[in-house]
Amino acid sequence: MPVLRVLVAEDYESSRESTIEVIRGALSAASVIEAATGAAALEALLQSVPEIAVLDFNMPLINGADVIIHYRKQRPEARTCFLLYSCVHTNSEHADRIGVPFLSKPFDINDLRAYMRRFVEQILQHAE
Protein backbone atom coordinates (compact mmCIF):
# COMPACT_ATOMS: atom_id res chain seq x y z
CA MET A 1 0.00 0.00 0.00
CA PRO A 2 1.32 3.48 -0.83
CA VAL A 3 2.00 6.04 1.90
CA LEU A 4 -1.20 7.94 2.61
CA ARG A 5 -1.18 11.57 3.69
CA VAL A 6 -3.54 12.12 6.61
CA LEU A 7 -4.39 15.53 8.03
CA VAL A 8 -5.44 15.67 11.69
CA ALA A 9 -6.88 19.04 12.69
CA GLU A 10 -7.60 19.47 16.39
CA ASP A 11 -6.97 22.50 18.60
CA TYR A 12 -6.34 20.48 21.78
CA GLU A 13 -2.86 19.03 21.56
CA SER A 14 -3.56 15.96 23.74
CA SER A 15 -6.62 15.06 21.65
CA ARG A 16 -4.66 15.62 18.44
CA GLU A 17 -1.84 13.38 19.65
CA SER A 18 -4.15 10.56 20.72
CA THR A 19 -6.04 10.75 17.41
CA ILE A 20 -2.75 10.57 15.52
CA GLU A 21 -1.68 7.58 17.59
CA VAL A 22 -4.86 5.69 16.67
CA ILE A 23 -4.47 6.59 12.99
CA ARG A 24 -0.84 5.48 12.90
CA GLY A 25 -1.88 2.21 14.51
CA ALA A 26 -4.63 1.70 11.95
CA LEU A 27 -2.62 2.85 8.92
CA SER A 28 0.96 1.67 9.05
CA ALA A 29 1.68 3.60 5.85
CA ALA A 30 0.56 7.05 6.97
CA SER A 31 2.29 10.39 6.77
CA VAL A 32 0.46 12.58 9.29
CA ILE A 33 0.09 16.32 8.91
CA GLU A 34 -1.03 18.26 12.00
CA ALA A 35 -3.04 21.47 12.31
CA ALA A 36 -4.19 23.25 15.47
CA THR A 37 -6.66 25.72 13.91
CA GLY A 38 -9.18 25.69 11.10
CA ALA A 39 -7.11 28.19 9.13
CA ALA A 40 -4.01 26.00 9.47
CA ALA A 41 -6.07 22.98 8.43
CA LEU A 42 -7.29 24.70 5.27
CA GLU A 43 -3.76 25.79 4.40
CA ALA A 44 -2.43 22.25 4.97
CA LEU A 45 -5.21 20.76 2.84
CA LEU A 46 -4.52 23.13 -0.03
CA GLN A 47 -0.76 22.57 0.10
CA SER A 48 -0.62 18.81 0.63
CA VAL A 49 -3.98 17.54 -0.75
CA PRO A 50 -4.08 14.58 1.65
CA GLU A 51 -6.00 11.41 0.93
CA ILE A 52 -7.68 11.55 4.37
CA ALA A 53 -8.56 14.45 6.68
CA VAL A 54 -9.89 14.08 10.23
CA LEU A 55 -11.14 17.39 11.60
CA ASP A 56 -12.54 18.60 14.88
CA PHE A 57 -15.64 20.71 14.28
CA ASN A 58 -14.92 23.30 16.98
CA MET A 59 -11.60 24.93 16.11
CA PRO A 60 -10.41 28.52 16.31
CA LEU A 61 -10.76 30.81 13.28
CA ILE A 62 -12.69 28.43 10.99
CA ASN A 63 -14.76 25.43 12.10
CA GLY A 64 -14.10 22.01 10.58
CA ALA A 65 -17.21 22.01 8.37
CA ASP A 66 -16.31 25.39 6.87
CA VAL A 67 -12.76 24.17 6.25
CA ILE A 68 -14.19 21.34 4.16
CA ILE A 69 -16.55 23.68 2.28
CA HIS A 70 -13.74 26.15 1.43
CA TYR A 71 -11.40 23.33 0.42
CA ARG A 72 -13.95 21.73 -1.89
CA LYS A 73 -14.59 25.09 -3.58
CA GLN A 74 -10.87 25.62 -4.17
CA ARG A 75 -10.00 22.01 -5.03
CA PRO A 76 -13.14 20.46 -6.57
CA GLU A 77 -11.06 17.76 -8.26
CA ALA A 78 -9.55 16.52 -4.97
CA ARG A 79 -10.74 13.17 -3.65
CA THR A 80 -9.92 13.70 0.01
CA CYS A 81 -11.92 11.49 2.41
CA PHE A 82 -13.18 13.56 5.33
CA LEU A 83 -14.24 12.69 8.88
CA LEU A 84 -15.66 15.38 11.15
CA TYR A 85 -16.01 15.01 14.93
CA SER A 86 -17.25 17.05 17.85
CA CYS A 87 -18.36 16.83 21.47
CA VAL A 88 -21.55 18.70 20.45
CA HIS A 89 -23.82 16.14 18.83
CA THR A 90 -25.90 18.76 17.01
CA ASN A 91 -22.83 19.47 14.87
CA SER A 92 -23.61 16.18 13.14
CA GLU A 93 -26.24 18.14 11.18
CA HIS A 94 -23.46 20.22 9.60
CA ALA A 95 -21.63 17.03 8.66
CA ASP A 96 -24.80 15.58 7.12
CA ARG A 97 -25.36 18.76 5.12
CA ILE A 98 -21.93 18.57 3.51
CA GLY A 99 -21.96 14.77 3.10
CA VAL A 100 -19.23 13.91 5.59
CA PRO A 101 -19.27 11.16 8.25
CA PHE A 102 -19.40 12.32 11.87
CA LEU A 103 -18.16 10.94 15.19
CA SER A 104 -19.23 12.24 18.61
CA LYS A 105 -16.41 12.92 21.10
CA PRO A 106 -15.29 11.11 23.02
CA PHE A 107 -15.33 8.51 20.28
CA ASP A 108 -14.51 4.83 20.44
CA ILE A 109 -11.10 4.24 18.85
CA ASN A 110 -12.53 1.22 17.04
CA ASP A 111 -14.94 3.57 15.24
CA LEU A 112 -12.03 5.73 14.12
CA ARG A 113 -10.13 2.65 12.96
CA ALA A 114 -13.20 1.47 11.03
CA TYR A 115 -13.41 4.81 9.20
CA MET A 116 -9.72 4.62 8.33
CA ARG A 117 -10.24 1.14 6.83
CA ARG A 118 -13.27 2.36 4.85
CA PHE A 119 -11.33 5.33 3.54
CA VAL A 120 -8.43 3.12 2.45
CA GLU A 121 -10.89 0.89 0.58
CA GLN A 122 -12.36 3.96 -1.18
CA ILE A 123 -8.91 5.26 -2.07
CA LEU A 124 -7.83 1.91 -3.49
CA GLN A 125 -11.05 1.63 -5.53
CA HIS A 126 -10.51 5.08 -7.06
CA ALA A 127 -6.90 4.18 -7.87
CA GLU A 128 -7.97 1.25 -10.06
C-alpha atoms as a PDB file:
ATOM      1  CA  MET A   1       0.000   0.000   0.000  1.00  0.00           C
ATOM      2  CA  PRO A   2       1.315   3.481  -0.827  1.00  0.00           C
ATOM      3  CA  VAL A   3       2.002   6.038   1.901  1.00  0.00           C
ATOM      4  CA  LEU A   4      -1.202   7.938   2.615  1.00  0.00           C
ATOM      5  CA  ARG A   5      -1.182  11.570   3.686  1.00  0.00           C
ATOM      6  CA  VAL A   6      -3.539  12.118   6.613  1.00  0.00           C
ATOM      7  CA  LEU A   7      -4.387  15.527   8.033  1.00  0.00           C
ATOM      8  CA  VAL A   8      -5.439  15.669  11.693  1.00  0.00           C
ATOM      9  CA  ALA A   9      -6.880  19.043  12.689  1.00  0.00           C
ATOM     10  CA  GLU A  10      -7.602  19.468  16.388  1.00  0.00           C
ATOM     11  CA  ASP A  11      -6.966  22.495  18.599  1.00  0.00           C
ATOM     12  CA  TYR A  12      -6.337  20.478  21.783  1.00  0.00           C
ATOM     13  CA  GLU A  13      -2.859  19.026  21.555  1.00  0.00           C
ATOM     14  CA  SER A  14      -3.559  15.963  23.736  1.00  0.00           C
ATOM     15  CA  SER A  15      -6.618  15.065  21.645  1.00  0.00           C
ATOM     16  CA  ARG A  16      -4.665  15.619  18.439  1.00  0.00           C
ATOM     17  CA  GLU A  17      -1.836  13.381  19.652  1.00  0.00           C
ATOM     18  CA  SER A  18      -4.150  10.556  20.719  1.00  0.00           C
ATOM     19  CA  THR A  19      -6.038  10.746  17.414  1.00  0.00           C
ATOM     20  CA  ILE A  20      -2.750  10.567  15.517  1.00  0.00           C
ATOM     21  CA  GLU A  21      -1.676   7.575  17.592  1.00  0.00           C
ATOM     22  CA  VAL A  22      -4.859   5.689  16.668  1.00  0.00           C
ATOM     23  CA  ILE A  23      -4.472   6.594  12.991  1.00  0.00           C
ATOM     24  CA  ARG A  24      -0.843   5.479  12.901  1.00  0.00           C
ATOM     25  CA  GLY A  25      -1.885   2.209  14.513  1.00  0.00           C
ATOM     26  CA  ALA A  26      -4.635   1.703  11.947  1.00  0.00           C
ATOM     27  CA  LEU A  27      -2.625   2.849   8.921  1.00  0.00           C
ATOM     28  CA  SER A  28       0.955   1.667   9.048  1.00  0.00           C
ATOM     29  CA  ALA A  29       1.684   3.600   5.848  1.00  0.00           C
ATOM     30  CA  ALA A  30       0.556   7.055   6.970  1.00  0.00           C
ATOM     31  CA  SER A  31       2.292  10.391   6.775  1.00  0.00           C
ATOM     32  CA  VAL A  32       0.456  12.578   9.293  1.00  0.00           C
ATOM     33  CA  ILE A  33       0.089  16.322   8.909  1.00  0.00           C
ATOM     34  CA  GLU A  34      -1.028  18.258  11.995  1.00  0.00           C
ATOM     35  CA  ALA A  35      -3.044  21.468  12.309  1.00  0.00           C
ATOM     36  CA  ALA A  36      -4.191  23.254  15.465  1.00  0.00           C
ATOM     37  CA  THR A  37      -6.658  25.723  13.907  1.00  0.00           C
ATOM     38  CA  GLY A  38      -9.176  25.687  11.102  1.00  0.00           C
ATOM     39  CA  ALA A  39      -7.108  28.194   9.127  1.00  0.00           C
ATOM     40  CA  ALA A  40      -4.006  26.001   9.470  1.00  0.00           C
ATOM     41  CA  ALA A  41      -6.073  22.976   8.427  1.00  0.00           C
ATOM     42  CA  LEU A  42      -7.291  24.700   5.269  1.00  0.00           C
ATOM     43  CA  GLU A  43      -3.759  25.792   4.396  1.00  0.00           C
ATOM     44  CA  ALA A  44      -2.432  22.253   4.971  1.00  0.00           C
ATOM     45  CA  LEU A  45      -5.213  20.765   2.842  1.00  0.00           C
ATOM     46  CA  LEU A  46      -4.525  23.127  -0.027  1.00  0.00           C
ATOM     47  CA  GLN A  47      -0.762  22.575   0.101  1.00  0.00           C
ATOM     48  CA  SER A  48      -0.615  18.814   0.629  1.00  0.00           C
ATOM     49  CA  VAL A  49      -3.976  17.544  -0.747  1.00  0.00           C
ATOM     50  CA  PRO A  50      -4.081  14.579   1.648  1.00  0.00           C
ATOM     51  CA  GLU A  51      -6.005  11.412   0.930  1.00  0.00           C
ATOM     52  CA  ILE A  52      -7.682  11.551   4.370  1.00  0.00           C
ATOM     53  CA  ALA A  53      -8.558  14.450   6.678  1.00  0.00           C
ATOM     54  CA  VAL A  54      -9.886  14.085  10.229  1.00  0.00           C
ATOM     55  CA  LEU A  55     -11.136  17.390  11.601  1.00  0.00           C
ATOM     56  CA  ASP A  56     -12.541  18.601  14.882  1.00  0.00           C
ATOM     57  CA  PHE A  57     -15.645  20.706  14.284  1.00  0.00           C
ATOM     58  CA  ASN A  58     -14.924  23.297  16.984  1.00  0.00           C
ATOM     59  CA  MET A  59     -11.605  24.926  16.107  1.00  0.00           C
ATOM     60  CA  PRO A  60     -10.411  28.523  16.309  1.00  0.00           C
ATOM     61  CA  LEU A  61     -10.755  30.807  13.284  1.00  0.00           C
ATOM     62  CA  ILE A  62     -12.689  28.430  10.990  1.00  0.00           C
ATOM     63  CA  ASN A  63     -14.760  25.430  12.100  1.00  0.00           C
ATOM     64  CA  GLY A  64     -14.102  22.013  10.580  1.00  0.00           C
ATOM     65  CA  ALA A  65     -17.207  22.013   8.374  1.00  0.00           C
ATOM     66  CA  ASP A  66     -16.310  25.390   6.871  1.00  0.00           C
ATOM     67  CA  VAL A  67     -12.760  24.173   6.254  1.00  0.00           C
ATOM     68  CA  ILE A  68     -14.193  21.341   4.159  1.00  0.00           C
ATOM     69  CA  ILE A  69     -16.550  23.676   2.276  1.00  0.00           C
ATOM     70  CA  HIS A  70     -13.744  26.148   1.433  1.00  0.00           C
ATOM     71  CA  TYR A  71     -11.399  23.331   0.416  1.00  0.00           C
ATOM     72  CA  ARG A  72     -13.949  21.727  -1.889  1.00  0.00           C
ATOM     73  CA  LYS A  73     -14.586  25.089  -3.584  1.00  0.00           C
ATOM     74  CA  GLN A  74     -10.872  25.618  -4.171  1.00  0.00           C
ATOM     75  CA  ARG A  75     -10.005  22.008  -5.033  1.00  0.00           C
ATOM     76  CA  PRO A  76     -13.145  20.460  -6.573  1.00  0.00           C
ATOM     77  CA  GLU A  77     -11.065  17.757  -8.258  1.00  0.00           C
ATOM     78  CA  ALA A  78      -9.553  16.519  -4.968  1.00  0.00           C
ATOM     79  CA  ARG A  79     -10.740  13.175  -3.649  1.00  0.00           C
ATOM     80  CA  THR A  80      -9.922  13.702   0.011  1.00  0.00           C
ATOM     81  CA  CYS A  81     -11.918  11.494   2.406  1.00  0.00           C
ATOM     82  CA  PHE A  82     -13.182  13.557   5.330  1.00  0.00           C
ATOM     83  CA  LEU A  83     -14.239  12.689   8.876  1.00  0.00           C
ATOM     84  CA  LEU A  84     -15.656  15.380  11.150  1.00  0.00           C
ATOM     85  CA  TYR A  85     -16.008  15.013  14.929  1.00  0.00           C
ATOM     86  CA  SER A  86     -17.250  17.052  17.853  1.00  0.00           C
ATOM     87  CA  CYS A  87     -18.362  16.828  21.472  1.00  0.00           C
ATOM     88  CA  VAL A  88     -21.549  18.698  20.453  1.00  0.00           C
ATOM     89  CA  HIS A  89     -23.824  16.137  18.833  1.00  0.00           C
ATOM     90  CA  THR A  90     -25.901  18.760  17.014  1.00  0.00           C
ATOM     91  CA  ASN A  91     -22.832  19.468  14.870  1.00  0.00           C
ATOM     92  CA  SER A  92     -23.614  16.182  13.140  1.00  0.00           C
ATOM     93  CA  GLU A  93     -26.237  18.140  11.181  1.00  0.00           C
ATOM     94  CA  HIS A  94     -23.460  20.221   9.604  1.00  0.00           C
ATOM     95  CA  ALA A  95     -21.632  17.030   8.664  1.00  0.00           C
ATOM     96  CA  ASP A  96     -24.798  15.581   7.122  1.00  0.00           C
ATOM     97  CA  ARG A  97     -25.362  18.765   5.123  1.00  0.00           C
ATOM     98  CA  ILE A  98     -21.926  18.569   3.509  1.00  0.00           C
ATOM     99  CA  GLY A  99     -21.958  14.774   3.105  1.00  0.00           C
ATOM    100  CA  VAL A 100     -19.233  13.907   5.594  1.00  0.00           C
ATOM    101  CA  PRO A 101     -19.266  11.158   8.251  1.00  0.00           C
ATOM    102  CA  PHE A 102     -19.395  12.316  11.871  1.00  0.00           C
ATOM    103  CA  LEU A 103     -18.163  10.944  15.195  1.00  0.00           C
ATOM    104  CA  SER A 104     -19.226  12.239  18.612  1.00  0.00           C
ATOM    105  CA  LYS A 105     -16.409  12.923  21.105  1.00  0.00           C
ATOM    106  CA  PRO A 106     -15.292  11.114  23.019  1.00  0.00           C
ATOM    107  CA  PHE A 107     -15.329   8.508  20.281  1.00  0.00           C
ATOM    108  CA  ASP A 108     -14.508   4.826  20.439  1.00  0.00           C
ATOM    109  CA  ILE A 109     -11.098   4.238  18.853  1.00  0.00           C
ATOM    110  CA  ASN A 110     -12.531   1.225  17.044  1.00  0.00           C
ATOM    111  CA  ASP A 111     -14.942   3.565  15.238  1.00  0.00           C
ATOM    112  CA  LEU A 112     -12.034   5.735  14.118  1.00  0.00           C
ATOM    113  CA  ARG A 113     -10.127   2.646  12.960  1.00  0.00           C
ATOM    114  CA  ALA A 114     -13.196   1.471  11.025  1.00  0.00           C
ATOM    115  CA  TYR A 115     -13.414   4.811   9.196  1.00  0.00           C
ATOM    116  CA  MET A 116      -9.716   4.624   8.330  1.00  0.00           C
ATOM    117  CA  ARG A 117     -10.237   1.141   6.827  1.00  0.00           C
ATOM    118  CA  ARG A 118     -13.266   2.358   4.849  1.00  0.00           C
ATOM    119  CA  PHE A 119     -11.332   5.330   3.541  1.00  0.00           C
ATOM    120  CA  VAL A 120      -8.427   3.118   2.447  1.00  0.00           C
ATOM    121  CA  GLU A 121     -10.886   0.893   0.576  1.00  0.00           C
ATOM    122  CA  GLN A 122     -12.359   3.961  -1.181  1.00  0.00           C
ATOM    123  CA  ILE A 123      -8.910   5.262  -2.069  1.00  0.00           C
ATOM    124  CA  LEU A 124      -7.827   1.914  -3.493  1.00  0.00           C
ATOM    125  CA  GLN A 125     -11.052   1.625  -5.532  1.00  0.00           C
ATOM    126  CA  HIS A 126     -10.509   5.081  -7.063  1.00  0.00           C
ATOM    127  CA  ALA A 127      -6.898   4.178  -7.870  1.00  0.00           C
ATOM    128  CA  GLU A 128      -7.973   1.254 -10.056  1.00  0.00           C
END
